[in-house]
Amino acid sequence: AYYQQGQGLIDDELYDSLRQKLRLWQSCAGSGDGD
């Protein structure tokens, strides 16, 4: 929505916080790329 349609559906701070949460969960699961 943001990059292809130019629509910001969530505040940047909240988006960053949730993406950081995903990285934590990926680390907990032993999967994913932190970067």
PDB file of all heavy atoms in Angstrom:
ATOM      1  N   ALA A   1       0.824  -1.203   0.000  1.00  0.00           N
ATOM      2  CA  ALA A   1       0.000   0.000   0.000  1.00  0.00           C
ATOM      3  C   ALA A   1       0.862   1.259   0.000  1.00  0.00           C
ATOM      4  O   ALA A   1       0.554   2.241  -0.688  1.00  0.00           O
ATOM      5  CB  ALA A   1      -0.923  -0.001   1.219  1.00  0.00           C
ATOM      6  N   TYR A   2       1.969   1.219   0.731  1.00  0.00           N
ATOM      7  CA  TYR A   2       2.809   2.408   0.855  1.00  0.00           C
ATOM      8  C   TYR A   2       3.667   2.633  -0.391  1.00  0.00           C
ATOM      9  O   TYR A   2       3.663   3.720  -0.978  1.00  0.00           O
ATOM     10  CB  TYR A   2       3.706   2.291   2.090  1.00  0.00           C
ATOM     11  CG  TYR A   2       4.627   3.467   2.252  1.00  0.00           C
ATOM     12  CD1 TYR A   2       4.161   4.665   2.780  1.00  0.00           C
ATOM     13  CD2 TYR A   2       5.947   3.404   1.843  1.00  0.00           C
ATOM     14  CE1 TYR A   2       4.995   5.761   2.909  1.00  0.00           C
ATOM     15  CE2 TYR A   2       6.789   4.496   1.965  1.00  0.00           C
ATOM     16  CZ  TYR A   2       6.312   5.669   2.499  1.00  0.00           C
ATOM     17  OH  TYR A   2       7.129   6.747   2.610  1.00  0.00           O
ATOM     18  N   TYR A   3       4.387   1.592  -0.793  1.00  0.00           N
ATOM     19  CA  TYR A   3       5.371   1.768  -1.867  1.00  0.00           C
ATOM     20  C   TYR A   3       4.756   1.708  -3.262  1.00  0.00           C
ATOM     21  O   TYR A   3       5.286   2.294  -4.201  1.00  0.00           O
ATOM     22  CB  TYR A   3       6.475   0.707  -1.748  1.00  0.00           C
ATOM     23  CG  TYR A   3       7.378   0.942  -0.561  1.00  0.00           C
ATOM     24  CD1 TYR A   3       7.258   0.168   0.586  1.00  0.00           C
ATOM     25  CD2 TYR A   3       8.333   1.948  -0.576  1.00  0.00           C
ATOM     26  CE1 TYR A   3       8.090   0.376   1.682  1.00  0.00           C
ATOM     27  CE2 TYR A   3       9.165   2.160   0.513  1.00  0.00           C
ATOM     28  CZ  TYR A   3       9.032   1.382   1.641  1.00  0.00           C
ATOM     29  OH  TYR A   3       9.839   1.599   2.720  1.00  0.00           O
ATOM     30  N   GLN A   4       3.660   0.997  -3.419  1.00  0.00           N
ATOM     31  CA  GLN A   4       3.084   0.854  -4.746  1.00  0.00           C
ATOM     32  C   GLN A   4       1.862   1.737  -4.965  1.00  0.00           C
ATOM     33  O   GLN A   4       1.533   2.068  -6.096  1.00  0.00           O
ATOM     34  CB  GLN A   4       2.720  -0.613  -5.004  1.00  0.00           C
ATOM     35  CG  GLN A   4       3.928  -1.537  -4.975  1.00  0.00           C
ATOM     36  CD  GLN A   4       3.585  -2.971  -5.342  1.00  0.00           C
ATOM     37  OE1 GLN A   4       2.547  -3.229  -5.947  1.00  0.00           O
ATOM     38  NE2 GLN A   4       4.446  -3.903  -4.975  1.00  0.00           N
ATOM     39  N   GLN A   5       1.170   2.105  -3.870  1.00  0.00           N
ATOM     40  CA  GLN A   5      -0.045   2.902  -4.010  1.00  0.00           C
ATOM     41  C   GLN A   5       0.049   4.262  -3.334  1.00  0.00           C
ATOM     42  O   GLN A   5      -0.868   5.063  -3.419  1.00  0.00           O
ATOM     43  CB  GLN A   5      -1.241   2.116  -3.430  1.00  0.00           C
ATOM     44  CG  GLN A   5      -1.445   0.767  -4.110  1.00  0.00           C
ATOM     45  CD  GLN A   5      -2.329  -0.168  -3.294  1.00  0.00           C
ATOM     46  OE1 GLN A   5      -2.961   0.247  -2.324  1.00  0.00           O
ATOM     47  NE2 GLN A   5      -2.369  -1.429  -3.680  1.00  0.00           N
ATOM     48  N   GLY A   6       1.175   4.504  -2.625  1.00  0.00           N
ATOM     49  CA  GLY A   6       1.360   5.797  -1.971  1.00  0.00           C
ATOM     50  C   GLY A   6       0.444   6.030  -0.797  1.00  0.00           C
ATOM     51  O   GLY A   6       0.173   7.168  -0.423  1.00  0.00           O
ATOM     52  N   GLN A   7      -0.039   4.949  -0.164  1.00  0.00           N
ATOM     53  CA  GLN A   7      -0.969   5.065   0.961  1.00  0.00           C
ATOM     54  C   GLN A   7      -0.276   4.631   2.250  1.00  0.00           C
ATOM     55  O   GLN A   7       0.184   3.497   2.358  1.00  0.00           O
ATOM     56  CB  GLN A   7      -2.209   4.198   0.727  1.00  0.00           C
ATOM     57  CG  GLN A   7      -3.012   4.577  -0.497  1.00  0.00           C
ATOM     58  CD  GLN A   7      -4.175   3.633  -0.727  1.00  0.00           C
ATOM     59  OE1 GLN A   7      -4.437   2.749   0.075  1.00  0.00           O
ATOM     60  NE2 GLN A   7      -4.878   3.821  -1.826  1.00  0.00           N
ATOM     61  N   GLY A   8      -0.206   5.545   3.211  1.00  0.00           N
ATOM     62  CA  GLY A   8       0.341   5.204   4.513  1.00  0.00           C
ATOM     63  C   GLY A   8      -0.766   4.747   5.433  1.00  0.00           C
ATOM     64  O   GLY A   8      -1.490   5.563   5.996  1.00  0.00           O
ATOM     65  N   LEU A   9      -0.927   3.430   5.606  1.00  0.00           N
ATOM     66  CA  LEU A   9      -2.038   2.885   6.382  1.00  0.00           C
ATOM     67  C   LEU A   9      -1.699   2.741   7.859  1.00  0.00           C
ATOM     68  O   LEU A   9      -2.585   2.414   8.652  1.00  0.00           O
ATOM     69  CB  LEU A   9      -2.452   1.523   5.805  1.00  0.00           C
ATOM     70  CG  LEU A   9      -2.862   1.519   4.328  1.00  0.00           C
ATOM     71  CD1 LEU A   9      -3.283   0.123   3.895  1.00  0.00           C
ATOM     72  CD2 LEU A   9      -3.988   2.519   4.072  1.00  0.00           C
ATOM     73  N   ILE A  10      -0.448   2.974   8.220  1.00  0.00           N
ATOM     74  CA  ILE A  10      -0.032   2.855   9.612  1.00  0.00           C
ATOM     75  C   ILE A  10       1.081   3.857   9.854  1.00  0.00           C
ATOM     76  O   ILE A  10       1.898   4.119   8.961  1.00  0.00           O
ATOM     77  CB  ILE A  10       0.434   1.415   9.937  1.00  0.00           C
ATOM     78  CG1 ILE A  10       0.823   1.282  11.417  1.00  0.00           C
ATOM     79  CG2 ILE A  10       1.579   0.988   9.023  1.00  0.00           C
ATOM     80  CD1 ILE A  10       1.122  -0.149  11.835  1.00  0.00           C
ATOM     81  N   ASP A  11       1.114   4.453  11.037  1.00  0.00           N
ATOM     82  CA  ASP A  11       2.170   5.412  11.371  1.00  0.00           C
ATOM     83  C   ASP A  11       3.542   4.745  11.305  1.00  0.00           C
ATOM     84  O   ASP A  11       3.702   3.562  11.648  1.00  0.00           O
ATOM     85  CB  ASP A  11       1.948   5.984  12.774  1.00  0.00           C
ATOM     86  CG  ASP A  11       0.746   6.907  12.842  1.00  0.00           C
ATOM     87  OD1 ASP A  11       0.262   7.317  11.771  1.00  0.00           O
ATOM     88  OD2 ASP A  11       0.280   7.200  13.959  1.00  0.00           O
ATOM     89  N   ASP A  12       4.535   5.528  10.889  1.00  0.00           N
ATOM     90  CA  ASP A  12       5.883   4.988  10.716  1.00  0.00           C
ATOM     91  C   ASP A  12       6.415   4.352  11.995  1.00  0.00           C
ATOM     92  O   ASP A  12       7.043   3.289  11.965  1.00  0.00           O
ATOM     93  CB  ASP A  12       6.838   6.096  10.257  1.00  0.00           C
ATOM     94  CG  ASP A  12       6.493   6.605   8.869  1.00  0.00           C
ATOM     95  OD1 ASP A  12       5.810   5.878   8.123  1.00  0.00           O
ATOM     96  OD2 ASP A  12       6.886   7.745   8.540  1.00  0.00           O
ATOM     97  N   GLU A  13       6.204   5.013  13.135  1.00  0.00           N
ATOM     98  CA  GLU A  13       6.721   4.490  14.397  1.00  0.00           C
ATOM     99  C   GLU A  13       6.113   3.134  14.728  1.00  0.00           C
ATOM    100  O   GLU A  13       6.798   2.228  15.213  1.00  0.00           O
ATOM    101  CB  GLU A  13       6.437   5.478  15.532  1.00  0.00           C
ATOM    102  CG  GLU A  13       7.230   6.758  15.458  1.00  0.00           C
ATOM    103  CD  GLU A  13       6.784   7.772  16.486  1.00  0.00           C
ATOM    104  OE1 GLU A  13       5.581   7.809  16.818  1.00  0.00           O
ATOM    105  OE2 GLU A  13       7.648   8.524  16.967  1.00  0.00           O
ATOM    106  N   LEU A  14       4.806   2.994  14.473  1.00  0.00           N
ATOM    107  CA  LEU A  14       4.147   1.728  14.765  1.00  0.00           C
ATOM    108  C   LEU A  14       4.612   0.647  13.800  1.00  0.00           C
ATOM    109  O   LEU A  14       4.822  -0.507  14.196  1.00  0.00           O
ATOM    110  CB  LEU A  14       2.630   1.900  14.691  1.00  0.00           C
ATOM    111  CG  LEU A  14       2.041   2.983  15.607  1.00  0.00           C
ATOM    112  CD1 LEU A  14       0.525   3.028  15.474  1.00  0.00           C
ATOM    113  CD2 LEU A  14       2.441   2.731  17.062  1.00  0.00           C
ATOM    114  N   TYR A  15       4.778   1.028  12.539  1.00  0.00           N
ATOM    115  CA  TYR A  15       5.287   0.065  11.553  1.00  0.00           C
ATOM    116  C   TYR A  15       6.680  -0.426  11.963  1.00  0.00           C
ATOM    117  O   TYR A  15       6.959  -1.636  11.963  1.00  0.00           O
ATOM    118  CB  TYR A  15       5.342   0.718  10.168  1.00  0.00           C
ATOM    119  CG  TYR A  15       5.990  -0.143   9.115  1.00  0.00           C
ATOM    120  CD1 TYR A  15       5.239  -1.024   8.339  1.00  0.00           C
ATOM    121  CD2 TYR A  15       7.370  -0.077   8.905  1.00  0.00           C
ATOM    122  CE1 TYR A  15       5.851  -1.828   7.386  1.00  0.00           C
ATOM    123  CE2 TYR A  15       7.983  -0.876   7.949  1.00  0.00           C
ATOM    124  CZ  TYR A  15       7.222  -1.746   7.191  1.00  0.00           C
ATOM    125  OH  TYR A  15       7.834  -2.536   6.253  1.00  0.00           O
ATOM    126  N   ASP A  16       7.563   0.519  12.309  1.00  0.00           N
ATOM    127  CA  ASP A  16       8.925   0.141  12.700  1.00  0.00           C
ATOM    128  C   ASP A  16       8.911  -0.777  13.915  1.00  0.00           C
ATOM    129  O   ASP A  16       9.683  -1.738  14.001  1.00  0.00           O
ATOM    130  CB  ASP A  16       9.755   1.387  12.999  1.00  0.00           C
ATOM    131  CG  ASP A  16      10.062   2.205  11.750  1.00  0.00           C
ATOM    132  OD1 ASP A  16       9.919   1.664  10.636  1.00  0.00           O
ATOM    133  OD2 ASP A  16      10.423   3.383  11.892  1.00  0.00           O
ATOM    134  N   SER A  17       8.021  -0.477  14.872  1.00  0.00           N
ATOM    135  CA  SER A  17       7.948  -1.273  16.089  1.00  0.00           C
ATOM    136  C   SER A  17       7.475  -2.694  15.790  1.00  0.00           C
ATOM    137  O   SER A  17       8.007  -3.670  16.340  1.00  0.00           O
ATOM    138  CB  SER A  17       7.008  -0.591  17.086  1.00  0.00           C
ATOM    139  OG  SER A  17       7.026  -1.258  18.327  1.00  0.00           O
ATOM    140  N   LEU A  18       6.487  -2.819  14.905  1.00  0.00           N
ATOM    141  CA  LEU A  18       5.999  -4.154  14.558  1.00  0.00           C
ATOM    142  C   LEU A  18       7.017  -4.929  13.727  1.00  0.00           C
ATOM    143  O   LEU A  18       7.147  -6.146  13.869  1.00  0.00           O
ATOM    144  CB  LEU A  18       4.673  -4.043  13.803  1.00  0.00           C
ATOM    145  CG  LEU A  18       3.460  -3.678  14.668  1.00  0.00           C
ATOM    146  CD1 LEU A  18       2.245  -3.406  13.796  1.00  0.00           C
ATOM    147  CD2 LEU A  18       3.154  -4.783  15.672  1.00  0.00           C
ATOM    148  N   ARG A  19       7.752  -4.239  12.855  1.00  0.00           N
ATOM    149  CA  ARG A  19       8.791  -4.944  12.093  1.00  0.00           C
ATOM    150  C   ARG A  19       9.898  -5.415  13.030  1.00  0.00           C
ATOM    151  O   ARG A  19      10.458  -6.506  12.849  1.00  0.00           O
ATOM    152  CB  ARG A  19       9.355  -4.045  10.991  1.00  0.00           C
ATOM    153  CG  ARG A  19      10.352  -4.768  10.100  1.00  0.00           C
ATOM    154  CD  ARG A  19      10.522  -4.125   8.756  1.00  0.00           C
ATOM    155  NE  ARG A  19       9.411  -4.371   7.856  1.00  0.00           N
ATOM    156  CZ  ARG A  19       9.215  -5.503   7.195  1.00  0.00           C
ATOM    157  NH1 ARG A  19      10.043  -6.529   7.366  1.00  0.00           N
ATOM    158  NH2 ARG A  19       8.197  -5.638   6.383  1.00  0.00           N
ATOM    159  N   GLN A  20      10.215  -4.603  14.043  1.00  0.00           N
ATOM    160  CA  GLN A  20      11.193  -5.036  15.044  1.00  0.00           C
ATOM    161  C   GLN A  20      10.662  -6.246  15.815  1.00  0.00           C
ATOM    162  O   GLN A  20      11.408  -7.170  16.146  1.00  0.00           O
ATOM    163  CB  GLN A  20      11.496  -3.879  16.002  1.00  0.00           C
ATOM    164  CG  GLN A  20      12.542  -4.220  17.043  1.00  0.00           C
ATOM    165  CD  GLN A  20      12.847  -3.030  17.946  1.00  0.00           C
ATOM    166  OE1 GLN A  20      12.326  -1.936  17.754  1.00  0.00           O
ATOM    167  NE2 GLN A  20      13.684  -3.240  18.924  1.00  0.00           N
ATOM    168  N   LYS A  21       9.347  -6.239  16.098  1.00  0.00           N
ATOM    169  CA  LYS A  21       8.730  -7.383  16.768  1.00  0.00           C
ATOM    170  C   LYS A  21       8.871  -8.649  15.929  1.00  0.00           C
ATOM    171  O   LYS A  21       9.168  -9.729  16.442  1.00  0.00           O
ATOM    172  CB  LYS A  21       7.254  -7.083  17.017  1.00  0.00           C
ATOM    173  CG  LYS A  21       6.518  -8.164  17.789  1.00  0.00           C
ATOM    174  CD  LYS A  21       6.847  -8.153  19.263  1.00  0.00           C
ATOM    175  CE  LYS A  21       6.399  -6.852  19.901  1.00  0.00           C
ATOM    176  NZ  LYS A  21       6.616  -6.865  21.369  1.00  0.00           N
ATOM    177  N   LEU A  22       8.660  -8.517  14.612  1.00  0.00           N
ATOM    178  CA  LEU A  22       8.810  -9.674  13.728  1.00  0.00           C
ATOM    179  C   LEU A  22      10.236 -10.206  13.776  1.00  0.00           C
ATOM    180  O   LEU A  22      10.451 -11.429  13.812  1.00  0.00           O
ATOM    181  CB  LEU A  22       8.423  -9.291  12.297  1.00  0.00           C
ATOM    182  CG  LEU A  22       8.618 -10.384  11.245  1.00  0.00           C
ATOM    183  CD1 LEU A  22       7.752 -11.592  11.546  1.00  0.00           C
ATOM    184  CD2 LEU A  22       8.305  -9.843   9.848  1.00  0.00           C
ATOM    185  N   ARG A  23      11.218  -9.296  13.768  1.00  0.00           N
ATOM    186  CA  ARG A  23      12.614  -9.743  13.838  1.00  0.00           C
ATOM    187  C   ARG A  23      12.874 -10.509  15.135  1.00  0.00           C
ATOM    188  O   ARG A  23      13.611 -11.509  15.144  1.00  0.00           O
ATOM    189  CB  ARG A  23      13.563  -8.542  13.712  1.00  0.00           C
ATOM    190  CG  ARG A  23      13.657  -7.992  12.291  1.00  0.00           C
ATOM    191  CD  ARG A  23      14.857  -7.068  12.141  1.00  0.00           C
ATOM    192  NE  ARG A  23      14.672  -5.826  12.878  1.00  0.00           N
ATOM    193  CZ  ARG A  23      14.156  -4.719  12.364  1.00  0.00           C
ATOM    194  NH1 ARG A  23      13.764  -4.704  11.097  1.00  0.00           N
ATOM    195  NH2 ARG A  23      14.039  -3.628  13.086  1.00  0.00           N
ATOM    196  N   LEU A  24      12.290 -10.035  16.248  1.00  0.00           N
ATOM    197  CA  LEU A  24      12.448 -10.740  17.521  1.00  0.00           C
ATOM    198  C   LEU A  24      11.867 -12.143  17.420  1.00  0.00           C
ATOM    199  O   LEU A  24      12.509 -13.119  17.833  1.00  0.00           O
ATOM    200  CB  LEU A  24      11.758  -9.953  18.641  1.00  0.00           C
ATOM    201  CG  LEU A  24      11.629 -10.695  19.975  1.00  0.00           C
ATOM    202  CD1 LEU A  24      12.998 -10.916  20.602  1.00  0.00           C
ATOM    203  CD2 LEU A  24      10.717  -9.944  20.937  1.00  0.00           C
ATOM    204  N   TRP A  25      10.655 -12.258  16.891  1.00  0.00           N
ATOM    205  CA  TRP A  25      10.013 -13.567  16.773  1.00  0.00           C
ATOM    206  C   TRP A  25      10.814 -14.488  15.860  1.00  0.00           C
ATOM    207  O   TRP A  25      10.935 -15.686  16.128  1.00  0.00           O
ATOM    208  CB  TRP A  25       8.590 -13.404  16.253  1.00  0.00           C
ATOM    209  CG  TRP A  25       7.659 -12.766  17.243  1.00  0.00           C
ATOM    210  CD1 TRP A  25       7.929 -12.451  18.530  1.00  0.00           C
ATOM    211  CD2 TRP A  25       6.313 -12.357  17.001  1.00  0.00           C
ATOM    212  NE1 TRP A  25       6.840 -11.856  19.124  1.00  0.00           N
ATOM    213  CE2 TRP A  25       5.829 -11.799  18.213  1.00  0.00           C
ATOM    214  CE3 TRP A  25       5.469 -12.407  15.900  1.00  0.00           C
ATOM    215  CZ2 TRP A  25       4.539 -11.301  18.329  1.00  0.00           C
ATOM    216  CZ3 TRP A  25       4.179 -11.914  16.020  1.00  0.00           C
ATOM    217  CH2 TRP A  25       3.711 -11.365  17.220  1.00  0.00           C
ATOM    218  N   GLN A  26      11.348 -13.930  14.770  1.00  0.00           N
ATOM    219  CA  GLN A  26      12.162 -14.746  13.871  1.00  0.00           C
ATOM    220  C   GLN A  26      13.404 -15.255  14.589  1.00  0.00           C
ATOM    221  O   GLN A  26      13.824 -16.401  14.407  1.00  0.00           O
ATOM    222  CB  GLN A  26      12.553 -13.935  12.634  1.00  0.00           C
ATOM    223  CG  GLN A  26      11.387 -13.669  11.685  1.00  0.00           C
ATOM    224  CD  GLN A  26      11.749 -12.714  10.565  1.00  0.00           C
ATOM    225  OE1 GLN A  26      12.637 -11.880  10.717  1.00  0.00           O
ATOM    226  NE2 GLN A  26      11.053 -12.812   9.443  1.00  0.00           N
ATOM    227  N   SER A  27      13.993 -14.396  15.422  1.00  0.00           N
ATOM    228  CA  SER A  27      15.149 -14.822  16.207  1.00  0.00           C
ATOM    229  C   SER A  27      14.749 -15.905  17.203  1.00  0.00           C
ATOM    230  O   SER A  27      15.482 -16.887  17.394  1.00  0.00           O
ATOM    231  CB  SER A  27      15.753 -13.620  16.942  1.00  0.00           C
ATOM    232  OG  SER A  27      16.790 -14.015  17.803  1.00  0.00           O
ATOM    233  N   CYS A  28      13.579 -15.751  17.818  1.00  0.00           N
ATOM    234  CA  CYS A  28      13.088 -16.754  18.772  1.00  0.00           C
ATOM    235  C   CYS A  28      12.869 -18.095  18.075  1.00  0.00           C
ATOM    236  O   CYS A  28      13.093 -19.156  18.661  1.00  0.00           O
ATOM    237  CB  CYS A  28      11.778 -16.290  19.406  1.00  0.00           C
ATOM    238  SG  CYS A  28      11.917 -14.797  20.423  1.00  0.00           S
ATOM    239  N   ALA A  29      12.422 -18.047  16.813  1.00  0.00           N
ATOM    240  CA  ALA A  29      12.148 -19.263  16.058  1.00  0.00           C
ATOM    241  C   ALA A  29      13.390 -19.803  15.366  1.00  0.00           C
ATOM    242  O   ALA A  29      13.341 -20.875  14.753  1.00  0.00           O
ATOM    243  CB  ALA A  29      11.054 -19.005  15.026  1.00  0.00           C
ATOM    244  N   GLY A  30      14.499 -19.040  15.422  1.00  0.00           N
ATOM    245  CA  GLY A  30      15.717 -19.462  14.752  1.00  0.00           C
ATOM    246  C   GLY A  30      15.628 -19.377  13.251  1.00  0.00           C
ATOM    247  O   GLY A  30      16.250 -20.152  12.525  1.00  0.00           O
ATOM    248  N   SER A  31      14.844 -18.398  12.757  1.00  0.00           N
ATOM    249  CA  SER A  31      14.684 -18.256  11.313  1.00  0.00           C
ATOM    250  C   SER A  31      14.721 -16.785  10.952  1.00  0.00           C
ATOM    251  O   SER A  31      14.691 -15.908  11.808  1.00  0.00           O
ATOM    252  CB  SER A  31      13.354 -18.856  10.855  1.00  0.00           C
ATOM    253  OG  SER A  31      12.264 -18.149  11.426  1.00  0.00           O
ATOM    254  N   GLY A  32      14.753 -16.491   9.646  1.00  0.00           N
ATOM    255  CA  GLY A  32      14.660 -15.111   9.182  1.00  0.00           C
ATOM    256  C   GLY A  32      16.000 -14.420   9.158  1.00  0.00           C
ATOM    257  O   GLY A  32      16.995 -14.862   9.738  1.00  0.00           O
ATOM    258  N   ASP A  33      16.016 -13.282   8.480  1.00  0.00           N
ATOM    259  CA  ASP A  33      17.214 -12.446   8.338  1.00  0.00           C
ATOM    260  C   ASP A  33      16.968 -11.151   9.083  1.00  0.00           C
ATOM    261  O   ASP A  33      16.079 -10.383   8.732  1.00  0.00           O
ATOM    262  CB  ASP A  33      17.474 -12.171   6.847  1.00  0.00           C
ATOM    263  CG  ASP A  33      18.718 -11.313   6.621  1.00  0.00           C
ATOM    264  OD1 ASP A  33      19.356 -10.930   7.618  1.00  0.00           O
ATOM    265  OD2 ASP A  33      19.032 -11.033   5.459  1.00  0.00           O
ATOM    266  N   GLY A  34      17.729 -10.900  10.125  1.00  0.00           N
ATOM    267  CA  GLY A  34      17.508  -9.705  10.930  1.00  0.00           C
ATOM    268  C   GLY A  34      17.658  -8.419  10.157  1.00  0.00           C
ATOM    269  O   GLY A  34      17.111  -7.395  10.532  1.00  0.00           O
ATOM    270  N   ASP A  35      18.429  -8.444   9.038  1.00  0.00           N
ATOM    271  CA  ASP A  35      18.634  -7.238   8.250  1.00  0.00           C
ATOM    272  C   ASP A  35      17.759  -7.216   7.001  1.00  0.00           C
ATOM    273  O   ASP A  35      17.981  -6.417   6.096  1.00  0.00           O
ATOM    274  CB  ASP A  35      20.108  -7.113   7.827  1.00  0.00           C
ATOM    275  CG  ASP A  35      21.013  -6.846   9.023  1.00  0.00           C
ATOM    276  OD1 ASP A  35      20.533  -6.230   9.982  1.00  0.00           O
ATOM    277  OD2 ASP A  35      22.171  -7.266   8.983  1.00  0.00           O
TER     278      ASP A  35
END
